[in-house]
Amino acid sequence: MEIPYEVAPRRDTGLFNSKLGIWLFLASEVMLFGGLFSAYIFLRVGVIEGVDAPWPWGINVHKTFVVLGFVNTLVLIISSVFVVFGWIALKERNWGRFQMFMYLTVACAAIFMALKTVEYRSKLTQHHDIKLLDNSVLEGKILDKTFDVPFEGNSVEFNLAGSAPGFIHDIEGEFPVMKATWKEYATVDGERKIVDKEAEIRSAKEFKSWFVRARTKATSDLIAERKRYRSEVAAKNKALYKEEEFTNPKGPVVDTKAILTAESAFQLHSRRRQVSPIERSDKGDSMTYLDGSTVKGTAGDDRIKFEPHYLDMQLVPIHKQKDSMVWDVLGDSHMKDAWYENREVAYEHMEEYYEGRKKEIPESMLRGYYINIQSLHGKEHAKPFWQEFFDEFKAGAGIGGGDHSDHAEHSHDQGDHEHHDDHAEEEAHAAADDHGAHNDHGAHSVVMIPRDKIKFFNSHGPRNNNYYAIYFTMTALHGLHVIGGALVLLYFVVFGKPLFLRNPEHLANRVEVGGLFWHFVDLIWIFLFPLMYLL
């Protein structure tokens, strides 16, 4: 049976089936992205000055990657032109030209996604924010994975009735040899008793198999004890009703605690969100995971090695900025001088702007990003724009990344865990002073920031704030549309030859429908780019 109006248009609408379908589909897509754009607008206009965190400025957030966003805009516009040329080639029954333009379109999609991957990688791995207790925010890069919590463990306590303890995923190197001790019920001389159990564990695989067996036994013991307790409670109630003597029921007695003792100390690097603050005492330190497992041993250097680039003082009152704790954390008078010099230059520019319009500078501008977000390095030492962009691109693409040899001679030796907190702070300040002479953008200072002075830290990812959450949501959703559209167009050029030989007009209609979707994807980015990167 032949489906009507696959090629010929309907007389009532002037559209063939697939074209009518794509317009209906695009209407639903408009509602989807319209809802996201509306959410962005309402979140932005709903910010209460002086109460909520200020909404970031797109150019200030993306900096040199604004150029990358503009390049991606041009790439998508050019790809839309290629789609039209490919459709025209089909109308002219020129398969070779159609192939060329479709492959060029898919290549543009690949370039777009490659550049977005570079930008995402840079934001998620190369840029971090650290908010201190007084709400001053340092923007830069956390080095040497010091966002993790270093800990030297000797033993671990956890509950067998709970989920698998997460510490096993944080062990550095080989799994240590451990002795496991726990209790469980067993029948001894015909009587049910609690007995001590031991096992030797030599690998993560052995730990997992042992944990499954021990947890299954602990759970069954707990169920049996609860059944026994409920039956004794029922017997007591029955005796009370009949006014007979009774024995008070004994509550469920199941010790589900297990202890792992390592033959030698093992190293852990735990994610900060997975553990509670480290508890220190004369008998030793302990670190508790959110799953309840507790590791005992010696805490490592509980400081973050940080390369600061910018300082955001928007949430710090102007009269308190000179006494902010950030200057004690940085411990570098050169960075403080550079920040205030840059702020003074920004203020002079703003003063000239408003004096030319015979207006006073609004208070919101005095508290805003233009004055209160400044580089910690003097403007006279900054790299040219193109060099800064090239460095950002290399970092995002992972070209030569991960090598901080230029910081090695200045960094603090984190292998020594025997210093006291006051001595550690002095060393952090000394390390910062060593870098005081390196205030240009190419050789950033490196400082050690104690965790007890940090309120929050994160990469420039969705967790950072509302702006980044909606930015990643919208751009990632748009990226999925780019991939989906490119795959459809690639399917037409790879598998469309038989249909072209049989009915070229049918294939032209399909490409036209795919081109309409591709133009929609291009149009969404044209709205996204100024909204997210410029405003």
Protein backbone atom coordinates (compact mmCIF):
# COMPACT_ATOMS: atom_id res chain seq x y z
CA MET A 1 0.00 0.00 0.00
CA GLU A 2 1.42 3.37 -1.02
CA ILE A 3 1.24 6.20 1.51
CA PRO A 4 -0.21 9.32 -0.16
CA TYR A 5 1.43 12.75 -0.11
CA GLU A 6 4.98 11.50 0.57
CA VAL A 7 6.20 13.54 -2.38
CA ALA A 8 3.26 15.47 -3.78
CA PRO A 9 1.81 18.23 -1.54
CA ARG A 10 -1.71 18.05 -0.17
CA ARG A 11 -4.20 20.28 -1.96
CA ASP A 12 -5.63 21.69 1.26
CA THR A 13 -2.36 22.61 3.04
CA GLY A 14 0.16 22.75 0.21
CA LEU A 15 2.50 20.57 2.33
CA PHE A 16 3.63 16.97 2.00
CA ASN A 17 3.34 14.73 5.08
CA SER A 18 6.86 14.96 6.46
CA LYS A 19 6.96 18.74 6.10
CA LEU A 20 3.74 19.09 8.06
CA GLY A 21 5.17 16.72 10.69
CA ILE A 22 8.42 18.65 11.09
CA TRP A 23 6.56 21.92 11.61
CA LEU A 24 4.49 20.31 14.37
CA PHE A 25 7.68 18.88 15.90
CA LEU A 26 9.42 22.25 15.74
CA ALA A 27 6.43 23.83 17.49
CA SER A 28 7.02 21.46 20.43
CA GLU A 29 10.73 22.31 20.35
CA VAL A 30 9.90 26.03 20.51
CA MET A 31 7.86 25.34 23.66
CA LEU A 32 10.75 23.36 25.18
CA PHE A 33 13.41 26.00 24.60
CA GLY A 34 10.91 28.78 25.28
CA GLY A 35 10.40 27.37 28.77
CA LEU A 36 14.16 27.30 29.37
CA PHE A 37 14.62 30.84 28.09
CA SER A 38 11.76 31.97 30.33
CA ALA A 39 13.33 30.23 33.34
CA TYR A 40 16.61 32.04 32.64
CA ILE A 41 14.86 35.41 32.42
CA PHE A 42 12.85 34.89 35.61
CA LEU A 43 15.91 33.69 37.54
CA ARG A 44 17.87 36.71 36.39
CA VAL A 45 15.26 39.41 37.03
CA GLY A 46 14.36 37.78 40.36
CA VAL A 47 17.78 38.47 41.90
CA ILE A 48 17.40 40.75 44.93
CA GLU A 49 20.33 43.15 45.22
CA GLY A 50 22.16 42.89 48.52
CA VAL A 51 20.44 39.61 49.42
CA ASP A 52 21.07 37.10 46.61
CA ALA A 53 24.39 36.41 44.97
CA PRO A 54 24.78 38.83 42.01
CA TRP A 55 24.00 37.43 38.59
CA PRO A 56 27.23 37.06 36.59
CA TRP A 57 27.93 38.97 33.41
CA GLY A 58 28.39 36.68 30.40
CA ILE A 59 31.55 38.30 29.07
CA ASN A 60 33.07 38.27 32.56
CA VAL A 61 32.25 34.56 32.98
CA HIS A 62 33.44 33.30 29.61
CA LYS A 63 36.22 35.86 29.04
CA THR A 64 38.31 34.69 26.07
CA PHE A 65 35.86 31.88 25.28
CA VAL A 66 33.44 34.51 23.97
CA VAL A 67 35.57 34.32 20.81
CA LEU A 68 34.97 30.56 20.70
CA GLY A 69 31.21 31.12 21.03
CA PHE A 70 31.31 33.62 18.15
CA VAL A 71 33.28 31.16 16.00
CA ASN A 72 30.67 28.49 16.73
CA THR A 73 27.95 30.92 15.65
CA LEU A 74 29.68 31.41 12.30
CA VAL A 75 30.20 27.65 11.94
CA LEU A 76 26.47 26.94 12.37
CA ILE A 77 25.45 29.73 9.99
CA ILE A 78 27.84 28.40 7.33
CA SER A 79 26.52 24.86 7.88
CA SER A 80 22.95 26.09 7.27
CA VAL A 81 24.10 27.54 3.95
CA PHE A 82 25.68 24.18 3.05
CA VAL A 83 22.38 22.40 3.79
CA VAL A 84 20.55 24.69 1.36
CA PHE A 85 23.22 24.13 -1.31
CA GLY A 86 22.92 20.38 -0.78
CA TRP A 87 19.14 20.52 -1.22
CA ILE A 88 19.56 22.57 -4.42
CA ALA A 89 22.04 19.97 -5.70
CA LEU A 90 19.39 17.27 -5.23
CA LYS A 91 16.85 19.36 -7.07
CA GLU A 92 19.37 19.58 -9.92
CA ARG A 93 19.90 15.80 -9.67
CA ASN A 94 23.62 16.24 -8.89
CA TRP A 95 24.51 13.52 -6.40
CA GLY A 96 28.22 14.42 -6.22
CA ARG A 97 27.58 18.05 -5.18
CA PHE A 98 24.94 16.90 -2.70
CA GLN A 99 27.48 14.58 -1.06
CA MET A 100 30.07 17.35 -0.83
CA PHE A 101 27.73 19.84 0.84
CA MET A 102 26.29 17.27 3.26
CA TYR A 103 29.75 16.16 4.34
CA LEU A 104 30.70 19.82 4.82
CA THR A 105 27.59 20.29 6.99
CA VAL A 106 28.48 17.29 9.16
CA ALA A 107 32.07 18.56 9.39
CA CYS A 108 30.75 21.91 10.67
CA ALA A 109 28.70 20.04 13.29
CA ALA A 110 31.82 18.14 14.35
CA ILE A 111 33.79 21.40 14.63
CA PHE A 112 31.00 22.94 16.72
CA MET A 113 30.92 20.03 19.16
CA ALA A 114 34.73 19.86 19.34
CA LEU A 115 34.91 23.55 20.31
CA LYS A 116 32.12 23.08 22.88
CA THR A 117 34.04 20.12 24.33
CA VAL A 118 37.15 22.28 24.68
CA GLU A 119 35.09 24.98 26.42
CA TYR A 120 33.34 22.48 28.74
CA ARG A 121 36.63 20.85 29.67
CA SER A 122 38.17 24.20 30.49
CA LYS A 123 35.26 25.21 32.72
CA LEU A 124 35.02 21.85 34.49
CA THR A 125 38.72 21.15 35.04
CA GLN A 126 40.73 24.35 34.57
CA HIS A 127 38.63 26.99 36.38
CA HIS A 128 37.50 26.93 40.01
CA ASP A 129 35.89 29.30 42.50
CA ILE A 130 36.70 29.35 46.22
CA LYS A 131 34.31 31.31 48.46
CA LEU A 132 35.83 32.21 51.81
CA LEU A 133 33.93 32.63 55.07
CA ASP A 134 33.50 36.39 54.53
CA ASN A 135 31.96 35.75 51.03
CA SER A 136 34.98 36.95 49.07
CA VAL A 137 35.46 34.71 46.04
CA LEU A 138 38.78 33.70 44.50
CA GLU A 139 38.68 32.57 40.90
CA GLY A 140 41.55 30.49 39.56
CA LYS A 141 42.66 26.89 39.41
CA ILE A 142 43.02 24.19 42.07
CA LEU A 143 46.31 22.38 41.53
CA ASP A 144 47.51 18.84 42.18
CA LYS A 145 44.02 17.48 42.98
CA THR A 146 44.07 19.20 46.36
CA PHE A 147 40.28 19.59 46.13
CA ASP A 148 40.31 16.00 47.43
CA VAL A 149 40.87 15.33 51.14
CA PRO A 150 44.20 13.52 51.77
CA PHE A 151 44.17 11.00 54.60
CA GLU A 152 46.45 8.20 55.79
CA GLY A 153 44.23 5.44 57.14
CA ASN A 154 45.01 2.64 59.59
CA SER A 155 41.56 1.18 60.23
CA VAL A 156 37.95 1.49 59.10
CA GLU A 157 34.68 1.01 61.01
CA PHE A 158 31.35 0.64 59.22
CA ASN A 159 27.89 -0.90 59.50
CA LEU A 160 27.34 -4.26 57.79
CA ALA A 161 23.62 -3.57 57.52
CA GLY A 162 24.28 -0.45 55.43
CA SER A 163 25.43 0.11 51.90
CA ALA A 164 28.91 -0.75 50.67
CA PRO A 165 31.40 1.72 52.24
CA GLY A 166 32.70 4.25 49.75
CA PHE A 167 36.25 4.43 51.06
CA ILE A 168 37.36 1.55 48.81
CA HIS A 169 36.97 3.80 45.75
CA ASP A 170 39.25 6.46 47.26
CA ILE A 171 42.25 4.24 48.06
CA GLU A 172 45.39 5.33 46.23
CA GLY A 173 47.44 2.51 44.73
CA GLU A 174 46.98 -1.14 45.59
CA PHE A 175 44.37 -2.33 48.05
CA PRO A 176 46.03 -2.88 51.45
CA VAL A 177 46.00 -6.22 53.26
CA MET A 178 43.35 -5.95 55.98
CA LYS A 179 42.06 -8.02 58.84
CA ALA A 180 38.27 -7.92 59.17
CA THR A 181 36.63 -8.52 62.56
CA TRP A 182 32.88 -8.65 63.17
CA LYS A 183 30.21 -10.50 65.15
CA GLU A 184 27.38 -12.74 64.04
CA TYR A 185 24.99 -15.32 65.46
CA ALA A 186 25.87 -19.02 65.31
CA THR A 187 24.50 -22.21 66.87
CA VAL A 188 26.92 -23.48 69.54
CA ASP A 189 26.00 -26.67 71.48
CA GLY A 190 22.42 -26.33 70.31
CA GLU A 191 22.22 -22.74 71.59
CA ARG A 192 22.13 -19.56 69.50
CA LYS A 193 25.05 -17.34 70.53
CA ILE A 194 26.99 -14.33 69.29
CA VAL A 195 30.48 -15.32 68.12
CA ASP A 196 33.50 -13.31 66.98
CA LYS A 197 34.51 -13.71 63.33
CA GLU A 198 37.72 -12.86 61.50
CA ALA A 199 38.84 -12.82 57.87
CA GLU A 200 41.84 -11.65 55.89
CA ILE A 201 41.17 -9.45 52.87
CA ARG A 202 43.86 -8.87 50.26
CA SER A 203 42.09 -7.12 47.37
CA ALA A 204 39.08 -5.00 46.53
CA LYS A 205 37.46 -8.01 44.87
CA GLU A 206 37.86 -10.09 48.03
CA PHE A 207 36.46 -7.21 50.08
CA LYS A 208 33.34 -6.97 47.92
CA SER A 209 32.63 -10.72 48.05
CA TRP A 210 33.25 -10.79 51.83
CA PHE A 211 31.04 -7.74 52.36
CA VAL A 212 28.14 -9.30 50.44
CA ARG A 213 28.31 -12.49 52.53
CA ALA A 214 28.72 -10.63 55.83
CA ARG A 215 25.93 -8.17 55.04
CA THR A 216 23.57 -10.97 54.03
CA LYS A 217 24.26 -12.80 57.32
CA ALA A 218 23.94 -9.60 59.41
CA THR A 219 20.63 -8.76 57.71
CA SER A 220 19.22 -12.26 58.29
CA ASP A 221 20.33 -12.12 61.95
CA LEU A 222 18.63 -8.77 62.35
CA ILE A 223 15.41 -10.10 60.80
CA ALA A 224 15.49 -13.17 63.06
CA GLU A 225 16.02 -11.02 66.18
CA ARG A 226 13.16 -8.74 65.25
CA LYS A 227 10.87 -11.73 64.74
CA ARG A 228 11.93 -13.12 68.12
CA TYR A 229 11.31 -9.77 69.81
CA ARG A 230 7.87 -9.37 68.24
CA SER A 231 6.86 -12.87 69.35
CA GLU A 232 8.01 -12.16 72.93
CA VAL A 233 6.08 -8.87 72.95
CA ALA A 234 2.98 -10.74 71.78
CA ALA A 235 3.46 -13.34 74.54
CA LYS A 236 3.81 -10.57 77.13
CA ASN A 237 0.61 -8.87 75.99
CA LYS A 238 -1.22 -12.19 76.11
CA ALA A 239 0.04 -12.85 79.65
CA LEU A 240 -1.01 -9.37 80.75
CA TYR A 241 -4.47 -9.95 79.34
CA LYS A 242 -4.78 -13.26 81.27
CA GLU A 243 -3.13 -11.72 84.36
CA GLU A 244 -0.37 -14.32 84.26
CA GLU A 245 3.30 -13.94 85.02
CA PHE A 246 5.49 -12.90 82.13
CA THR A 247 9.12 -12.18 81.24
CA ASN A 248 10.00 -8.78 79.81
CA PRO A 249 11.09 -9.21 76.20
CA LYS A 250 14.70 -8.52 75.36
CA GLY A 251 15.20 -6.09 72.48
CA PRO A 252 16.90 -7.16 69.27
CA VAL A 253 20.59 -7.74 69.95
CA VAL A 254 22.62 -7.64 66.74
CA ASP A 255 26.03 -6.03 66.50
CA THR A 256 26.43 -5.10 62.84
CA LYS A 257 29.67 -3.17 63.29
CA ALA A 258 32.70 -4.38 61.33
CA ILE A 259 36.29 -3.24 61.76
CA LEU A 260 39.00 -3.44 59.12
CA THR A 261 42.56 -3.12 60.40
CA ALA A 262 45.29 -2.63 57.79
CA GLU A 263 48.70 -4.27 58.10
CA SER A 264 50.25 -1.01 56.87
CA ALA A 265 48.94 2.51 56.44
CA PHE A 266 47.09 3.24 53.19
CA GLN A 267 46.51 6.54 51.40
CA LEU A 268 43.06 7.97 50.67
CA HIS A 269 42.00 10.92 48.51
CA SER A 270 38.33 11.50 49.23
CA ARG A 271 35.96 13.87 47.53
CA ARG A 272 34.99 16.67 49.87
CA ARG A 273 31.24 16.21 49.36
CA GLN A 274 31.47 12.56 50.41
CA VAL A 275 32.98 13.13 53.86
CA SER A 276 32.24 15.11 57.00
CA PRO A 277 34.83 17.51 58.43
CA ILE A 278 37.87 15.72 59.84
CA GLU A 279 37.86 15.26 63.60
CA ARG A 280 41.26 15.72 65.20
CA SER A 281 42.35 14.55 68.65
CA ASP A 282 45.48 13.55 70.56
CA LYS A 283 44.66 9.88 69.93
CA GLY A 284 44.47 10.36 66.17
CA ASP A 285 42.28 11.77 63.42
CA SER A 286 39.07 10.33 61.98
CA MET A 287 37.20 10.98 58.76
CA THR A 288 33.55 9.93 58.41
CA TYR A 289 31.90 9.29 55.05
CA LEU A 290 28.28 10.11 54.36
CA ASP A 291 27.53 6.36 54.29
CA GLY A 292 28.59 6.17 57.97
CA SER A 293 31.95 4.44 57.53
CA THR A 294 34.73 6.02 59.61
CA VAL A 295 38.41 5.90 58.69
CA LYS A 296 40.91 6.39 61.52
CA GLY A 297 44.48 7.48 61.01
CA THR A 298 46.31 10.72 60.27
CA ALA A 299 44.88 13.64 58.29
CA GLY A 300 47.04 14.98 55.51
CA ASP A 301 47.71 18.59 54.59
CA ASP A 302 44.17 19.93 54.81
CA ARG A 303 44.82 22.89 52.52
CA ILE A 304 44.03 23.59 48.90
CA LYS A 305 46.85 24.48 46.55
CA PHE A 306 45.42 27.29 44.45
CA GLU A 307 46.52 29.48 41.58
CA PRO A 308 44.45 32.68 41.95
CA HIS A 309 43.59 34.73 38.87
CA TYR A 310 40.70 37.01 39.89
CA LEU A 311 39.10 38.22 43.11
CA ASP A 312 35.35 38.86 43.40
CA MET A 313 34.39 41.23 46.25
CA GLN A 314 30.76 41.84 45.25
CA LEU A 315 29.40 40.18 48.40
CA VAL A 316 31.81 41.98 50.73
CA PRO A 317 30.72 45.49 51.88
CA ILE A 318 32.99 48.16 50.44
CA HIS A 319 34.07 49.43 53.87
CA LYS A 320 35.16 45.89 54.86
CA GLN A 321 37.09 44.98 51.74
CA LYS A 322 40.47 46.19 52.96
CA ASP A 323 40.14 44.00 56.06
CA SER A 324 38.85 40.94 54.19
CA MET A 325 40.30 37.58 55.18
CA VAL A 326 41.27 37.00 51.55
CA TRP A 327 44.36 39.18 52.02
CA ASP A 328 45.50 37.00 54.94
CA VAL A 329 44.85 33.89 52.86
CA LEU A 330 46.77 35.23 49.87
CA GLY A 331 49.54 36.65 52.07
CA ASP A 332 50.87 38.68 49.15
CA SER A 333 50.92 42.48 49.25
CA HIS A 334 51.68 42.62 45.50
CA MET A 335 48.39 40.91 44.67
CA LYS A 336 46.50 43.26 46.97
CA ASP A 337 48.14 46.30 45.39
CA ALA A 338 47.42 45.02 41.88
CA TRP A 339 43.74 44.37 42.72
CA TYR A 340 43.23 47.88 44.13
CA GLU A 341 45.10 49.49 41.23
CA ASN A 342 42.90 47.66 38.74
CA ARG A 343 39.80 48.61 40.73
CA GLU A 344 40.85 52.27 40.76
CA VAL A 345 41.28 52.26 36.98
CA ALA A 346 37.80 50.72 36.58
CA TYR A 347 36.33 53.33 38.93
CA GLU A 348 37.92 56.19 36.96
CA HIS A 349 36.43 54.84 33.73
CA MET A 350 33.02 54.61 35.37
CA GLU A 351 33.32 58.10 36.83
CA GLU A 352 34.15 59.54 33.40
CA TYR A 353 31.17 57.73 31.89
CA TYR A 354 28.63 59.09 34.40
CA GLU A 355 30.14 62.58 34.56
CA GLY A 356 29.72 62.84 30.79
CA ARG A 357 26.00 62.15 31.34
CA LYS A 358 25.80 64.46 34.38
CA LYS A 359 24.71 61.63 36.65
CA GLU A 360 25.92 60.20 39.92
CA ILE A 361 27.32 56.68 39.94
CA PRO A 362 24.48 54.34 41.09
CA GLU A 363 25.10 52.39 44.26
CA SER A 364 24.36 49.15 42.42
CA MET A 365 27.27 49.89 40.07
CA LEU A 366 29.59 50.60 43.00
CA ARG A 367 28.69 47.18 44.38
CA GLY A 368 28.69 45.49 40.98
CA TYR A 369 31.08 43.36 39.00
CA TYR A 370 32.70 46.17 36.96
CA ILE A 371 34.52 47.50 40.02
CA ASN A 372 34.58 44.56 42.41
CA ILE A 373 35.81 41.77 40.12
CA GLN A 374 39.43 42.50 39.25
CA SER A 375 42.54 40.58 38.31
CA LEU A 376 45.07 39.90 41.06
CA HIS A 377 47.80 40.77 38.57
CA GLY A 378 48.57 44.19 37.22
CA LYS A 379 47.03 45.15 33.89
CA GLU A 380 50.41 46.32 32.64
CA HIS A 381 51.72 42.74 32.93
CA ALA A 382 48.74 41.06 31.27
CA LYS A 383 49.30 39.04 28.12
CA PRO A 384 47.89 40.21 24.77
CA PHE A 385 44.32 39.07 24.18
CA TRP A 386 45.22 36.55 21.49
CA GLN A 387 47.95 34.98 23.66
CA GLU A 388 45.58 34.69 26.61
CA PHE A 389 42.96 33.07 24.35
CA PHE A 390 45.52 30.62 22.96
CA ASP A 391 46.58 29.63 26.50
CA GLU A 392 42.93 29.16 27.51
CA PHE A 393 42.32 27.03 24.42
CA LYS A 394 45.38 24.86 25.10
CA ALA A 395 44.28 24.31 28.69
CA GLY A 396 40.74 23.41 27.63
CA ALA A 397 41.95 21.06 24.89
CA GLY A 398 44.43 19.39 27.24
CA ILE A 399 47.42 20.33 25.09
CA GLY A 400 50.41 20.12 27.37
CA GLY A 401 48.05 20.24 30.34
CA GLY A 402 48.66 18.82 33.77
CA ASP A 403 52.29 19.90 33.92
CA HIS A 404 52.76 22.55 36.57
CA SER A 405 56.51 22.43 36.50
CA ASP A 406 56.62 26.23 36.59
CA HIS A 407 55.02 26.02 40.03
CA ALA A 408 57.04 23.10 41.30
CA GLU A 409 59.96 25.11 42.66
CA HIS A 410 57.55 27.45 44.48
CA SER A 411 55.00 24.97 45.78
CA HIS A 412 54.89 23.70 49.32
CA ASP A 413 55.91 20.12 50.03
CA GLN A 414 52.63 18.42 50.84
CA GLY A 415 54.20 15.14 51.83
CA ASP A 416 55.03 16.37 55.32
CA HIS A 417 51.97 15.83 57.55
CA GLU A 418 53.71 16.51 60.85
CA HIS A 419 53.41 20.29 60.97
CA HIS A 420 50.94 22.11 63.18
CA ASP A 421 48.17 24.38 61.91
CA ASP A 422 49.93 27.63 62.86
CA HIS A 423 53.15 26.47 61.23
CA ALA A 424 51.19 25.46 58.11
CA GLU A 425 49.69 28.93 57.83
CA GLU A 426 53.12 30.54 58.14
CA GLU A 427 54.41 28.30 55.36
CA ALA A 428 51.42 29.23 53.18
CA HIS A 429 52.20 32.92 53.62
CA ALA A 430 55.87 32.30 52.94
CA ALA A 431 55.02 30.40 49.78
CA ALA A 432 52.82 33.27 48.66
CA ASP A 433 55.58 35.82 49.37
CA ASP A 434 57.97 33.80 47.23
CA HIS A 435 55.64 34.50 44.33
CA GLY A 436 55.19 38.18 45.01
CA ALA A 437 57.46 39.13 42.16
CA HIS A 438 55.53 37.01 39.63
CA ASN A 439 52.44 39.09 39.08
CA ASP A 440 52.12 38.78 35.32
CA HIS A 441 49.40 36.61 33.87
CA GLY A 442 51.85 34.04 32.61
CA ALA A 443 53.38 33.10 35.96
CA HIS A 444 50.61 33.17 38.53
CA SER A 445 51.34 32.93 42.21
CA VAL A 446 50.44 29.76 44.08
CA VAL A 447 48.93 29.91 47.56
CA MET A 448 47.86 27.30 50.12
CA ILE A 449 44.33 27.95 51.45
CA PRO A 450 43.26 26.24 54.73
CA ARG A 451 39.93 24.44 54.36
CA ASP A 452 38.61 25.84 57.63
CA LYS A 453 38.52 29.29 55.97
CA ILE A 454 36.56 28.03 52.95
CA LYS A 455 32.77 28.17 52.80
CA PHE A 456 32.38 26.63 49.33
CA PHE A 457 34.52 25.67 46.36
CA ASN A 458 33.71 24.18 42.98
CA SER A 459 34.62 24.18 39.32
CA HIS A 460 32.72 26.37 36.87
CA GLY A 461 30.18 23.57 36.45
CA PRO A 462 26.42 23.25 37.05
CA ARG A 463 26.88 23.10 40.84
CA ASN A 464 28.52 26.51 41.00
CA ASN A 465 25.44 28.73 40.76
CA ASN A 466 22.11 29.18 38.95
CA TYR A 467 23.76 30.77 35.94
CA TYR A 468 26.06 27.82 35.30
CA ALA A 469 23.25 25.33 35.96
CA ILE A 470 21.02 26.81 33.26
CA TYR A 471 23.99 27.50 30.97
CA PHE A 472 25.04 23.85 30.95
CA THR A 473 21.42 22.68 30.67
CA MET A 474 20.63 24.81 27.63
CA THR A 475 23.93 24.46 25.78
CA ALA A 476 24.12 20.70 26.42
CA LEU A 477 20.53 20.24 25.22
CA HIS A 478 21.35 22.30 22.15
CA GLY A 479 24.47 20.16 21.62
CA LEU A 480 22.33 17.01 21.63
CA HIS A 481 20.17 18.59 18.92
CA VAL A 482 23.30 19.34 16.88
CA ILE A 483 24.43 15.71 17.16
CA GLY A 484 20.96 14.36 16.32
CA GLY A 485 20.54 16.64 13.30
CA ALA A 486 24.04 15.84 12.00
CA LEU A 487 23.38 12.09 12.26
CA VAL A 488 20.14 12.42 10.28
CA LEU A 489 21.85 14.41 7.52
CA LEU A 490 24.75 11.94 7.50
CA TYR A 491 22.25 9.08 7.11
CA PHE A 492 20.81 10.73 4.00
CA VAL A 493 24.19 11.01 2.31
CA VAL A 494 25.48 7.55 3.34
CA PHE A 495 22.34 5.48 2.74
CA GLY A 496 20.33 7.73 0.41
CA LYS A 497 21.79 6.69 -2.94
CA PRO A 498 19.21 3.93 -3.64
CA LEU A 499 16.33 6.33 -2.91
CA PHE A 500 18.01 8.98 -5.10
CA LEU A 501 18.16 6.56 -8.04
CA ARG A 502 14.58 5.41 -7.48
CA ASN A 503 12.85 8.69 -6.58
CA PRO A 504 15.15 11.74 -6.25
CA GLU A 505 12.28 14.07 -5.38
CA HIS A 506 11.42 11.93 -2.35
CA LEU A 507 15.00 12.22 -1.08
CA ALA A 508 14.95 15.99 -1.74
CA ASN A 509 11.84 16.26 0.43
CA ARG A 510 13.56 14.37 3.24
CA VAL A 511 16.65 16.60 3.05
CA GLU A 512 14.40 19.66 3.07
CA VAL A 513 12.77 18.42 6.29
CA GLY A 514 16.21 17.74 7.83
CA GLY A 515 17.33 21.19 6.71
CA LEU A 516 14.37 22.83 8.46
CA PHE A 517 15.41 21.16 11.71
CA TRP A 518 19.03 22.24 11.14
CA HIS A 519 17.96 25.86 10.60
CA PHE A 520 16.02 25.66 13.88
CA VAL A 521 19.15 24.43 15.68
CA ASP A 522 21.10 27.33 14.17
CA LEU A 523 18.40 29.82 15.21
CA ILE A 524 18.42 28.58 18.83
CA TRP A 525 22.18 29.13 19.05
CA ILE A 526 21.82 32.64 17.63
CA PHE A 527 19.59 33.39 20.64
CA LEU A 528 21.78 31.44 23.09
CA PHE A 529 25.06 33.11 22.19
CA PRO A 530 24.21 36.73 23.11
CA LEU A 531 22.07 35.66 26.06
CA MET A 532 24.71 33.45 27.67
CA TYR A 533 27.98 34.96 26.44
CA LEU A 534 27.38 38.71 26.11
CA LEU A 535 24.66 39.87 28.53
